[in-house]
């Protein structure tokens, strides 16, 4: 099964300047325009009751009862948050994917520290400044053993971020920071594996 979601998340929570009559309208940091998900389950065709394999015996119990599962998720990256006293210079912050690195995620000439006497005009979020997209695979392998008529034992091996993909988070958007323009963090942890044993009765 699969699904696609298109969305837009807008908020009014923060004032750009203390004297503003109302909070500013802006995209929320967790705005995710696109999200695609596919999930699949495959029962391996071996063992009793399956196209291939013996109907009974120890070998049938060994090769039967296996199941593979996969979940693939792709979604747009999260928006960066402009911290500190910031103003836009008018230059585009976007850099082509061929030139962009995690150390230099945006064109830092697009923002600068706002003079103390000037009003803030730059929104706290910019639709053109996002972290890297999430491209994640979760895989699992299950073995179910029928012990009695109403008792089953299940062995599970699960992998999250199975291919150990590095996905960079939103960049530092504070012009006064030494890491300004750097996507120094990741949006999800490295590969994680776990083993589980479940008894159903």
C-alpha atoms as a PDB file:
ATOM      1  CA  UNK A   1       0.000   0.000   0.000  1.00  0.00           C
ATOM      2  CA  UNK A   2       1.081   3.558  -0.548  1.00  0.00           C
ATOM      3  CA  UNK A   3       0.081   7.138   0.117  1.00  0.00           C
ATOM      4  CA  UNK A   4       0.967  10.669  -0.940  1.00  0.00           C
ATOM      5  CA  UNK A   5       0.290  13.782   1.139  1.00  0.00           C
ATOM      6  CA  UNK A   6       0.481  17.383  -0.028  1.00  0.00           C
ATOM      7  CA  UNK A   7       0.164  19.935   2.755  1.00  0.00           C
ATOM      8  CA  UNK A   8       0.936  23.462   3.873  1.00  0.00           C
ATOM      9  CA  UNK A   9       1.309  24.429   7.517  1.00  0.00           C
ATOM     10  CA  UNK A  10       0.944  28.125   8.345  1.00  0.00           C
ATOM     11  CA  UNK A  11       1.152  29.698  11.784  1.00  0.00           C
ATOM     12  CA  UNK A  12       0.580  33.061  13.477  1.00  0.00           C
ATOM     13  CA  UNK A  13       2.447  32.849  16.776  1.00  0.00           C
ATOM     14  CA  UNK A  14       5.374  35.273  16.768  1.00  0.00           C
ATOM     15  CA  UNK A  15       5.752  39.046  16.477  1.00  0.00           C
ATOM     16  CA  UNK A  16       8.554  40.276  14.216  1.00  0.00           C
ATOM     17  CA  UNK A  17       8.825  43.484  16.261  1.00  0.00           C
ATOM     18  CA  UNK A  18       7.517  44.360  19.750  1.00  0.00           C
ATOM     19  CA  UNK A  19       5.192  47.082  18.411  1.00  0.00           C
ATOM     20  CA  UNK A  20       3.506  44.971  15.734  1.00  0.00           C
ATOM     21  CA  UNK A  21      -0.319  44.898  16.040  1.00  0.00           C
ATOM     22  CA  UNK A  22      -0.546  41.126  15.432  1.00  0.00           C
ATOM     23  CA  UNK A  23       1.688  38.051  15.086  1.00  0.00           C
ATOM     24  CA  UNK A  24       3.249  37.596  11.659  1.00  0.00           C
ATOM     25  CA  UNK A  25       1.867  35.024   9.242  1.00  0.00           C
ATOM     26  CA  UNK A  26       4.562  32.531   8.207  1.00  0.00           C
ATOM     27  CA  UNK A  27       5.197  28.906   7.314  1.00  0.00           C
ATOM     28  CA  UNK A  28       5.659  26.709  10.377  1.00  0.00           C
ATOM     29  CA  UNK A  29       9.116  25.118  10.849  1.00  0.00           C
ATOM     30  CA  UNK A  30       7.522  21.665  10.599  1.00  0.00           C
ATOM     31  CA  UNK A  31       5.801  22.459   7.278  1.00  0.00           C
ATOM     32  CA  UNK A  32       6.193  19.415   4.984  1.00  0.00           C
ATOM     33  CA  UNK A  33       4.780  20.021   1.468  1.00  0.00           C
ATOM     34  CA  UNK A  34       5.327  16.484   0.163  1.00  0.00           C
ATOM     35  CA  UNK A  35       5.342  13.071   1.822  1.00  0.00           C
ATOM     36  CA  UNK A  36       5.296   9.687   0.048  1.00  0.00           C
ATOM     37  CA  UNK A  37       5.044   6.369   1.868  1.00  0.00           C
ATOM     38  CA  UNK A  38       5.010   2.789   0.585  1.00  0.00           C
ATOM     39  CA  UNK A  39       4.649  -0.307   2.767  1.00  0.00           C
ATOM     40  CA  UNK A  40       4.783  -3.942   1.719  1.00  0.00           C
ATOM     41  CA  UNK A  41       4.609  -7.402   3.286  1.00  0.00           C
ATOM     42  CA  UNK A  42       5.800 -10.589   1.632  1.00  0.00           C
ATOM     43  CA  UNK A  43       5.237 -14.022   3.099  1.00  0.00           C
ATOM     44  CA  UNK A  44       7.979 -16.232   1.713  1.00  0.00           C
ATOM     45  CA  UNK A  45       6.429 -19.133  -0.269  1.00  0.00           C
ATOM     46  CA  UNK A  46       8.161 -21.948   1.595  1.00  0.00           C
ATOM     47  CA  UNK A  47       6.972 -24.587   4.045  1.00  0.00           C
ATOM     48  CA  UNK A  48       3.624 -26.126   4.840  1.00  0.00           C
ATOM     49  CA  UNK A  49       0.685 -24.626   2.978  1.00  0.00           C
ATOM     50  CA  UNK A  50       2.983 -22.725   0.579  1.00  0.00           C
ATOM     51  CA  UNK A  51       3.804 -23.356  -3.134  1.00  0.00           C
ATOM     52  CA  UNK A  52       7.277 -24.684  -2.325  1.00  0.00           C
ATOM     53  CA  UNK A  53       8.428 -26.892   0.481  1.00  0.00           C
ATOM     54  CA  UNK A  54       7.483 -29.999   2.405  1.00  0.00           C
ATOM     55  CA  UNK A  55       4.071 -30.223   4.025  1.00  0.00           C
ATOM     56  CA  UNK A  56       5.461 -31.528   7.313  1.00  0.00           C
ATOM     57  CA  UNK A  57       8.672 -32.407   9.091  1.00  0.00           C
ATOM     58  CA  UNK A  58      11.552 -30.479  10.668  1.00  0.00           C
ATOM     59  CA  UNK A  59      12.790 -29.006   7.385  1.00  0.00           C
ATOM     60  CA  UNK A  60       9.330 -27.642   6.592  1.00  0.00           C
ATOM     61  CA  UNK A  61       9.176 -25.937   9.989  1.00  0.00           C
ATOM     62  CA  UNK A  62      12.659 -24.486   9.420  1.00  0.00           C
ATOM     63  CA  UNK A  63      12.041 -22.939   5.988  1.00  0.00           C
ATOM     64  CA  UNK A  64       8.380 -22.023   6.580  1.00  0.00           C
ATOM     65  CA  UNK A  65       6.791 -19.138   8.440  1.00  0.00           C
ATOM     66  CA  UNK A  66       9.132 -16.394   7.165  1.00  0.00           C
ATOM     67  CA  UNK A  67       7.888 -12.907   6.374  1.00  0.00           C
ATOM     68  CA  UNK A  68       9.632  -9.784   5.038  1.00  0.00           C
ATOM     69  CA  UNK A  69       8.364  -6.226   5.539  1.00  0.00           C
ATOM     70  CA  UNK A  70       9.502  -2.908   4.105  1.00  0.00           C
ATOM     71  CA  UNK A  71       8.447   0.702   4.670  1.00  0.00           C
ATOM     72  CA  UNK A  72       9.845   3.467   2.455  1.00  0.00           C
ATOM     73  CA  UNK A  73       9.295   7.124   3.311  1.00  0.00           C
ATOM     74  CA  UNK A  74      10.299  10.217   1.367  1.00  0.00           C
ATOM     75  CA  UNK A  75       9.370  13.698   2.500  1.00  0.00           C
ATOM     76  CA  UNK A  76      10.433  17.308   2.074  1.00  0.00           C
ATOM     77  CA  UNK A  77      12.984  18.688   4.507  1.00  0.00           C
ATOM     78  CA  UNK A  78      11.960  20.844   7.457  1.00  0.00           C
ATOM     79  CA  UNK A  79      12.263  24.620   7.314  1.00  0.00           C
ATOM     80  CA  UNK A  80      15.156  26.450   8.939  1.00  0.00           C
ATOM     81  CA  UNK A  81      14.487  28.902  11.787  1.00  0.00           C
ATOM     82  CA  UNK A  82      16.061  32.359  11.506  1.00  0.00           C
ATOM     83  CA  UNK A  83      17.431  33.076  14.960  1.00  0.00           C
ATOM     84  CA  UNK A  84      18.846  36.332  16.264  1.00  0.00           C
ATOM     85  CA  UNK A  85      18.405  39.826  14.833  1.00  0.00           C
ATOM     86  CA  UNK A  86      18.304  39.038  11.114  1.00  0.00           C
ATOM     87  CA  UNK A  87      17.385  40.882   7.926  1.00  0.00           C
ATOM     88  CA  UNK A  88      17.286  39.705   4.321  1.00  0.00           C
ATOM     89  CA  UNK A  89      19.673  41.257   1.803  1.00  0.00           C
ATOM     90  CA  UNK A  90      17.567  40.413  -1.243  1.00  0.00           C
ATOM     91  CA  UNK A  91      19.930  37.711  -2.547  1.00  0.00           C
ATOM     92  CA  UNK A  92      18.561  34.206  -2.974  1.00  0.00           C
ATOM     93  CA  UNK A  93      19.736  31.790  -0.270  1.00  0.00           C
ATOM     94  CA  UNK A  94      19.465  28.785  -2.580  1.00  0.00           C
ATOM     95  CA  UNK A  95      22.551  26.977  -3.884  1.00  0.00           C
ATOM     96  CA  UNK A  96      22.460  24.387  -6.672  1.00  0.00           C
ATOM     97  CA  UNK A  97      22.621  20.799  -5.459  1.00  0.00           C
ATOM     98  CA  UNK A  98      25.906  20.265  -7.355  1.00  0.00           C
ATOM     99  CA  UNK A  99      27.618  23.005  -5.331  1.00  0.00           C
ATOM    100  CA  UNK A 100      25.887  22.582  -1.979  1.00  0.00           C
ATOM    101  CA  UNK A 101      27.717  20.829   0.860  1.00  0.00           C
ATOM    102  CA  UNK A 102      26.734  20.342   4.484  1.00  0.00           C
ATOM    103  CA  UNK A 103      29.297  23.008   5.473  1.00  0.00           C
ATOM    104  CA  UNK A 104      27.892  25.475   2.908  1.00  0.00           C
ATOM    105  CA  UNK A 105      24.174  24.680   2.680  1.00  0.00           C
ATOM    106  CA  UNK A 106      22.969  28.195   1.721  1.00  0.00           C
ATOM    107  CA  UNK A 107      24.380  31.395   0.278  1.00  0.00           C
ATOM    108  CA  UNK A 108      25.241  33.250   3.484  1.00  0.00           C
ATOM    109  CA  UNK A 109      25.144  36.576   1.622  1.00  0.00           C
ATOM    110  CA  UNK A 110      21.339  36.335   1.653  1.00  0.00           C
ATOM    111  CA  UNK A 111      21.089  37.316   5.355  1.00  0.00           C
ATOM    112  CA  UNK A 112      22.931  39.647   7.699  1.00  0.00           C
ATOM    113  CA  UNK A 113      22.689  40.965  11.234  1.00  0.00           C
ATOM    114  CA  UNK A 114      20.023  43.642  11.496  1.00  0.00           C
ATOM    115  CA  UNK A 115      21.114  47.082  12.782  1.00  0.00           C
ATOM    116  CA  UNK A 116      19.833  47.713  16.303  1.00  0.00           C
ATOM    117  CA  UNK A 117      17.755  50.733  15.175  1.00  0.00           C
ATOM    118  CA  UNK A 118      16.062  48.968  12.241  1.00  0.00           C
ATOM    119  CA  UNK A 119      12.782  47.066  12.288  1.00  0.00           C
ATOM    120  CA  UNK A 120      12.864  43.386  11.510  1.00  0.00           C
ATOM    121  CA  UNK A 121      11.322  42.524   8.130  1.00  0.00           C
ATOM    122  CA  UNK A 122      12.592  38.975   7.567  1.00  0.00           C
ATOM    123  CA  UNK A 123      10.210  36.192   8.556  1.00  0.00           C
ATOM    124  CA  UNK A 124      11.417  33.573  11.030  1.00  0.00           C
ATOM    125  CA  UNK A 125      11.117  30.947   8.282  1.00  0.00           C
ATOM    126  CA  UNK A 126      11.977  31.053   4.584  1.00  0.00           C
ATOM    127  CA  UNK A 127      10.288  28.678   2.126  1.00  0.00           C
ATOM    128  CA  UNK A 128      13.575  28.491   0.168  1.00  0.00           C
ATOM    129  CA  UNK A 129      15.680  27.302   3.127  1.00  0.00           C
ATOM    130  CA  UNK A 130      15.056  23.695   4.109  1.00  0.00           C
ATOM    131  CA  UNK A 131      17.061  20.816   5.436  1.00  0.00           C
ATOM    132  CA  UNK A 132      17.683  17.793   3.261  1.00  0.00           C
ATOM    133  CA  UNK A 133      14.721  15.564   2.360  1.00  0.00           C
ATOM    134  CA  UNK A 134      14.091  12.396   4.342  1.00  0.00           C
ATOM    135  CA  UNK A 135      14.644   9.228   2.307  1.00  0.00           C
ATOM    136  CA  UNK A 136      14.271   6.328   4.703  1.00  0.00           C
ATOM    137  CA  UNK A 137      13.914   2.535   4.517  1.00  0.00           C
ATOM    138  CA  UNK A 138      12.764   0.403   7.459  1.00  0.00           C
ATOM    139  CA  UNK A 139      13.081  -3.362   6.932  1.00  0.00           C
ATOM    140  CA  UNK A 140      12.162  -6.369   9.030  1.00  0.00           C
ATOM    141  CA  UNK A 141      12.391 -10.156   8.834  1.00  0.00           C
ATOM    142  CA  UNK A 142      10.002 -12.320  10.880  1.00  0.00           C
ATOM    143  CA  UNK A 143       9.873 -16.026  11.634  1.00  0.00           C
ATOM    144  CA  UNK A 144       6.666 -17.438  13.120  1.00  0.00           C
ATOM    145  CA  UNK A 145       6.683 -20.885  14.726  1.00  0.00           C
ATOM    146  CA  UNK A 146       3.425 -22.647  15.608  1.00  0.00           C
ATOM    147  CA  UNK A 147       4.033 -24.385  18.933  1.00  0.00           C
ATOM    148  CA  UNK A 148       0.512 -25.523  19.739  1.00  0.00           C
ATOM    149  CA  UNK A 149      -2.953 -24.906  18.367  1.00  0.00           C
ATOM    150  CA  UNK A 150      -3.216 -21.515  20.147  1.00  0.00           C
ATOM    151  CA  UNK A 151       0.435 -20.713  20.816  1.00  0.00           C
ATOM    152  CA  UNK A 152       2.886 -19.104  18.395  1.00  0.00           C
ATOM    153  CA  UNK A 153       6.452 -17.926  18.849  1.00  0.00           C
ATOM    154  CA  UNK A 154       7.707 -15.075  16.669  1.00  0.00           C
ATOM    155  CA  UNK A 155      11.326 -14.014  16.145  1.00  0.00           C
ATOM    156  CA  UNK A 156      11.751 -10.471  14.749  1.00  0.00           C
ATOM    157  CA  UNK A 157      14.803  -8.754  13.276  1.00  0.00           C
ATOM    158  CA  UNK A 158      14.129  -5.082  12.521  1.00  0.00           C
ATOM    159  CA  UNK A 159      16.292  -2.382  10.930  1.00  0.00           C
ATOM    160  CA  UNK A 160      15.453   1.335  11.033  1.00  0.00           C
ATOM    161  CA  UNK A 161      17.218   3.495   8.415  1.00  0.00           C
ATOM    162  CA  UNK A 162      18.330   0.167   6.990  1.00  0.00           C
ATOM    163  CA  UNK A 163      20.727   1.638   4.391  1.00  0.00           C
ATOM    164  CA  UNK A 164      22.266   4.038   6.934  1.00  0.00           C
ATOM    165  CA  UNK A 165      21.593   7.111   4.788  1.00  0.00           C
ATOM    166  CA  UNK A 166      22.845  10.462   6.091  1.00  0.00           C
ATOM    167  CA  UNK A 167      20.140  13.110   5.867  1.00  0.00           C
ATOM    168  CA  UNK A 168      21.123  16.628   6.895  1.00  0.00           C
ATOM    169  CA  UNK A 169      18.809  18.799   8.948  1.00  0.00           C
ATOM    170  CA  UNK A 170      18.034  22.483   8.535  1.00  0.00           C
ATOM    171  CA  UNK A 171      21.064  24.820   8.487  1.00  0.00           C
ATOM    172  CA  UNK A 172      22.088  27.294  11.185  1.00  0.00           C
ATOM    173  CA  UNK A 173      20.457  30.593  10.223  1.00  0.00           C
ATOM    174  CA  UNK A 174      22.065  32.926  12.754  1.00  0.00           C
ATOM    175  CA  UNK A 175      24.500  35.318  10.975  1.00  0.00           C
ATOM    176  CA  UNK A 176      26.264  35.878  14.281  1.00  0.00           C
ATOM    177  CA  UNK A 177      27.090  32.177  14.670  1.00  0.00           C
ATOM    178  CA  UNK A 178      30.374  30.551  13.617  1.00  0.00           C
ATOM    179  CA  UNK A 179      28.332  27.783  11.962  1.00  0.00           C
ATOM    180  CA  UNK A 180      26.057  30.142   9.988  1.00  0.00           C
ATOM    181  CA  UNK A 181      24.891  28.389   6.813  1.00  0.00           C
ATOM    182  CA  UNK A 182      26.077  24.963   7.981  1.00  0.00           C
ATOM    183  CA  UNK A 183      23.718  21.975   8.099  1.00  0.00           C
ATOM    184  CA  UNK A 184      25.725  20.491  10.933  1.00  0.00           C
ATOM    185  CA  UNK A 185      23.020  18.167  12.276  1.00  0.00           C
ATOM    186  CA  UNK A 186      21.090  15.240  10.840  1.00  0.00           C
ATOM    187  CA  UNK A 187      17.327  14.828  10.646  1.00  0.00           C
ATOM    188  CA  UNK A 188      17.293  11.211  11.799  1.00  0.00           C
ATOM    189  CA  UNK A 189      19.595   8.770  13.622  1.00  0.00           C
ATOM    190  CA  UNK A 190      21.952   6.314  11.976  1.00  0.00           C
ATOM    191  CA  UNK A 191      20.953   2.708  11.310  1.00  0.00           C
ATOM    192  CA  UNK A 192      19.404   0.983  14.314  1.00  0.00           C
ATOM    193  CA  UNK A 193      18.765  -2.763  14.580  1.00  0.00           C
ATOM    194  CA  UNK A 194      16.852  -4.739  17.156  1.00  0.00           C
ATOM    195  CA  UNK A 195      15.929  -8.353  17.827  1.00  0.00           C
ATOM    196  CA  UNK A 196      12.650  -9.338  19.425  1.00  0.00           C
ATOM    197  CA  UNK A 197      10.945 -12.501  20.602  1.00  0.00           C
ATOM    198  CA  UNK A 198       7.152 -12.606  21.044  1.00  0.00           C
ATOM    199  CA  UNK A 199       4.986 -15.395  22.392  1.00  0.00           C
ATOM    200  CA  UNK A 200       1.291 -15.306  21.449  1.00  0.00           C
ATOM    201  CA  UNK A 201      -1.171 -17.608  23.187  1.00  0.00           C
END
